[in-house]
N, C-alpha and C. Protein backbone atom coordinates (compact mmCIF):
# COMPACT_ATOMS: atom_id res chain seq x y z
N UNK A 1 29.23 40.67 136.30
CA UNK A 1 28.34 39.54 136.38
C UNK A 1 28.58 38.65 135.17
N UNK A 2 28.63 37.37 135.38
CA UNK A 2 28.85 36.42 134.29
C UNK A 2 27.59 36.28 133.45
N UNK A 3 27.77 36.01 132.17
CA UNK A 3 26.65 35.86 131.27
C UNK A 3 25.81 34.65 131.66
N UNK A 4 24.51 34.79 131.68
CA UNK A 4 23.61 33.69 132.00
C UNK A 4 23.38 33.49 133.49
N UNK A 5 24.14 34.17 134.33
CA UNK A 5 23.98 34.04 135.78
C UNK A 5 22.88 34.99 136.25
N UNK A 6 22.00 34.47 137.06
CA UNK A 6 20.94 35.31 137.63
C UNK A 6 21.56 36.24 138.67
N UNK A 7 21.26 37.56 138.58
CA UNK A 7 21.86 38.51 139.53
C UNK A 7 21.36 38.26 140.95
N UNK A 8 22.25 38.45 141.90
CA UNK A 8 21.87 38.33 143.30
C UNK A 8 21.85 39.73 143.92
N UNK A 9 21.58 39.80 145.21
CA UNK A 9 21.46 41.10 145.88
C UNK A 9 22.78 41.88 145.82
N UNK A 10 23.89 41.19 145.86
CA UNK A 10 25.19 41.86 145.77
C UNK A 10 25.36 42.54 144.40
N UNK A 11 24.92 41.87 143.33
CA UNK A 11 24.97 42.47 141.99
C UNK A 11 24.10 43.72 141.94
N UNK A 12 22.89 43.63 142.49
CA UNK A 12 21.99 44.79 142.49
C UNK A 12 22.61 45.95 143.27
N UNK A 13 23.21 45.64 144.41
CA UNK A 13 23.84 46.69 145.22
C UNK A 13 25.03 47.32 144.48
N UNK A 14 25.85 46.49 143.83
CA UNK A 14 26.99 47.01 143.08
C UNK A 14 26.53 47.90 141.93
N UNK A 15 25.50 47.48 141.21
CA UNK A 15 24.97 48.30 140.12
C UNK A 15 24.44 49.62 140.66
N UNK A 16 23.72 49.53 141.76
CA UNK A 16 23.10 50.72 142.35
C UNK A 16 24.16 51.72 142.81
N UNK A 17 25.25 51.23 143.34
CA UNK A 17 26.30 52.10 143.86
C UNK A 17 27.29 52.58 142.81
N UNK A 18 27.23 52.03 141.61
CA UNK A 18 28.15 52.41 140.54
C UNK A 18 27.71 53.74 139.92
N UNK A 19 28.51 54.80 140.04
CA UNK A 19 28.12 56.10 139.49
C UNK A 19 27.98 56.09 137.97
N UNK A 20 28.58 55.12 137.29
CA UNK A 20 28.45 55.04 135.83
C UNK A 20 27.05 54.62 135.40
N UNK A 21 26.25 54.06 136.33
CA UNK A 21 24.88 53.67 136.02
C UNK A 21 23.88 54.79 136.28
N UNK A 22 24.36 55.93 136.70
CA UNK A 22 23.49 57.08 136.98
C UNK A 22 23.88 58.24 136.07
N UNK A 23 23.03 58.55 135.11
CA UNK A 23 23.29 59.65 134.19
C UNK A 23 22.88 60.95 134.88
N UNK A 24 23.78 61.91 134.88
CA UNK A 24 23.58 63.21 135.54
C UNK A 24 23.22 63.05 137.00
N UNK A 25 23.51 61.90 137.57
CA UNK A 25 23.28 61.66 138.98
C UNK A 25 21.86 61.32 139.37
N UNK A 26 20.90 61.37 138.42
CA UNK A 26 19.51 61.11 138.79
C UNK A 26 18.80 60.07 137.92
N UNK A 27 19.31 59.80 136.72
CA UNK A 27 18.65 58.86 135.82
C UNK A 27 19.40 57.52 135.82
N UNK A 28 18.71 56.45 136.22
CA UNK A 28 19.34 55.13 136.29
C UNK A 28 19.31 54.51 134.89
N UNK A 29 20.47 54.08 134.40
CA UNK A 29 20.60 53.51 133.06
C UNK A 29 21.59 52.35 133.13
N UNK A 30 21.05 51.11 133.16
CA UNK A 30 21.90 49.93 133.26
C UNK A 30 21.29 48.81 132.43
N UNK A 31 21.94 48.46 131.32
CA UNK A 31 21.43 47.43 130.41
C UNK A 31 21.48 46.04 131.03
N UNK A 32 22.39 45.80 131.97
CA UNK A 32 22.49 44.49 132.61
C UNK A 32 21.35 44.25 133.59
N UNK A 33 20.83 45.31 134.16
CA UNK A 33 19.77 45.22 135.17
C UNK A 33 18.42 45.13 134.46
N UNK A 34 17.72 44.02 134.64
CA UNK A 34 16.44 43.80 133.97
C UNK A 34 15.25 44.32 134.79
N UNK A 35 15.51 44.87 135.97
CA UNK A 35 14.40 45.40 136.76
C UNK A 35 13.81 46.63 136.07
N UNK A 36 12.49 46.75 136.13
CA UNK A 36 11.83 47.91 135.53
C UNK A 36 11.96 49.14 136.42
N UNK A 37 11.77 48.95 137.71
CA UNK A 37 11.77 50.07 138.65
C UNK A 37 12.70 49.78 139.83
N UNK A 38 13.99 50.08 139.69
CA UNK A 38 14.92 49.90 140.82
C UNK A 38 14.79 51.05 141.82
N UNK A 39 15.39 50.88 142.98
CA UNK A 39 15.38 51.93 144.00
C UNK A 39 16.13 53.16 143.52
N UNK A 40 15.71 54.33 144.02
CA UNK A 40 16.43 55.57 143.71
C UNK A 40 17.76 55.58 144.43
N UNK A 41 18.60 56.54 144.08
CA UNK A 41 19.91 56.64 144.73
C UNK A 41 19.74 56.79 146.23
N UNK A 42 18.86 57.66 146.65
CA UNK A 42 18.51 57.76 148.06
C UNK A 42 17.31 56.84 148.26
N UNK A 43 17.54 55.71 148.87
CA UNK A 43 16.54 54.64 148.95
C UNK A 43 15.26 55.07 149.69
N UNK A 44 15.32 56.15 150.45
CA UNK A 44 14.14 56.59 151.18
C UNK A 44 13.14 57.33 150.28
N UNK A 45 13.53 57.63 149.05
CA UNK A 45 12.65 58.37 148.14
C UNK A 45 11.88 57.47 147.17
N UNK A 46 11.97 56.16 147.34
CA UNK A 46 11.17 55.26 146.51
C UNK A 46 11.94 54.67 145.34
N UNK A 47 11.27 54.61 144.18
CA UNK A 47 11.82 53.93 143.02
C UNK A 47 11.99 54.88 141.84
N UNK A 48 12.79 54.45 140.89
CA UNK A 48 13.01 55.20 139.66
C UNK A 48 12.81 54.26 138.48
N UNK A 49 13.01 54.76 137.30
CA UNK A 49 12.88 53.97 136.08
C UNK A 49 14.26 53.55 135.62
N UNK A 50 14.38 52.32 135.15
CA UNK A 50 15.62 51.90 134.50
C UNK A 50 15.48 52.30 133.03
N UNK A 51 16.07 53.42 132.66
CA UNK A 51 15.91 53.95 131.31
C UNK A 51 16.56 53.10 130.24
N UNK A 52 17.36 52.10 130.63
CA UNK A 52 17.96 51.19 129.65
C UNK A 52 17.02 50.05 129.31
N UNK A 53 15.93 49.91 130.03
CA UNK A 53 14.97 48.84 129.79
C UNK A 53 13.77 49.40 129.04
N UNK A 54 13.58 49.00 127.77
CA UNK A 54 12.48 49.57 126.98
C UNK A 54 11.10 49.27 127.56
N UNK A 55 10.96 48.19 128.29
CA UNK A 55 9.66 47.86 128.89
C UNK A 55 9.30 48.89 129.96
N UNK A 56 10.28 49.37 130.72
CA UNK A 56 9.98 50.37 131.74
C UNK A 56 9.57 51.70 131.11
N UNK A 57 10.18 52.04 129.98
CA UNK A 57 9.79 53.26 129.27
C UNK A 57 8.34 53.13 128.80
N UNK A 58 8.00 51.97 128.25
CA UNK A 58 6.63 51.72 127.80
C UNK A 58 5.65 51.78 128.97
N UNK A 59 6.04 51.24 130.11
CA UNK A 59 5.16 51.27 131.29
C UNK A 59 4.88 52.70 131.74
N UNK A 60 5.87 53.55 131.71
CA UNK A 60 5.67 54.95 132.09
C UNK A 60 4.78 55.68 131.09
N UNK A 61 4.98 55.41 129.81
CA UNK A 61 4.13 56.04 128.78
C UNK A 61 2.68 55.63 128.98
N UNK A 62 2.44 54.34 129.22
CA UNK A 62 1.07 53.86 129.47
C UNK A 62 0.50 54.51 130.72
N UNK A 63 1.30 54.62 131.77
CA UNK A 63 0.83 55.25 133.00
C UNK A 63 0.44 56.71 132.79
N UNK A 64 1.25 57.45 132.05
CA UNK A 64 0.94 58.86 131.77
C UNK A 64 -0.33 58.96 130.94
N UNK A 65 -0.48 58.11 129.93
CA UNK A 65 -1.70 58.13 129.11
C UNK A 65 -2.92 57.84 129.96
N UNK A 66 -2.84 56.85 130.84
CA UNK A 66 -3.97 56.54 131.72
C UNK A 66 -4.30 57.71 132.64
N UNK A 67 -3.28 58.38 133.16
CA UNK A 67 -3.53 59.53 134.03
C UNK A 67 -4.23 60.65 133.27
N UNK A 68 -3.81 60.90 132.04
CA UNK A 68 -4.44 61.95 131.23
C UNK A 68 -5.89 61.60 130.93
N UNK A 69 -6.16 60.34 130.66
CA UNK A 69 -7.52 59.93 130.35
C UNK A 69 -8.43 59.92 131.57
N UNK A 70 -7.88 59.63 132.73
CA UNK A 70 -8.68 59.51 133.95
C UNK A 70 -8.93 60.86 134.63
N UNK A 71 -7.97 61.77 134.55
CA UNK A 71 -8.13 63.06 135.22
C UNK A 71 -9.37 63.78 134.72
N UNK A 72 -10.13 64.39 135.62
CA UNK A 72 -11.33 65.11 135.19
C UNK A 72 -10.97 66.34 134.36
N UNK A 73 -11.78 66.60 133.39
CA UNK A 73 -11.56 67.76 132.51
C UNK A 73 -12.41 68.92 133.04
N UNK A 74 -11.79 70.05 133.29
CA UNK A 74 -12.49 71.24 133.73
C UNK A 74 -12.82 72.10 132.52
N UNK A 75 -14.11 72.46 132.36
CA UNK A 75 -14.48 73.28 131.19
C UNK A 75 -14.03 74.71 131.31
């Protein structure tokens, strides 16, 4: 992808299909891709985190903290 060019669907598909963007086959890591939550390798299983995007890491941390605070505490 050229610098400054907005990615199109073909770019997203190429990134998604590139095995170099998948660490250990399950963790998506692509610095060029600015999406926070791209599709998983098997698109029927939903979305994953783009671990190269610090905002997505922050979003997951906030989500986990909210879940811990909201879950009922059993004495």
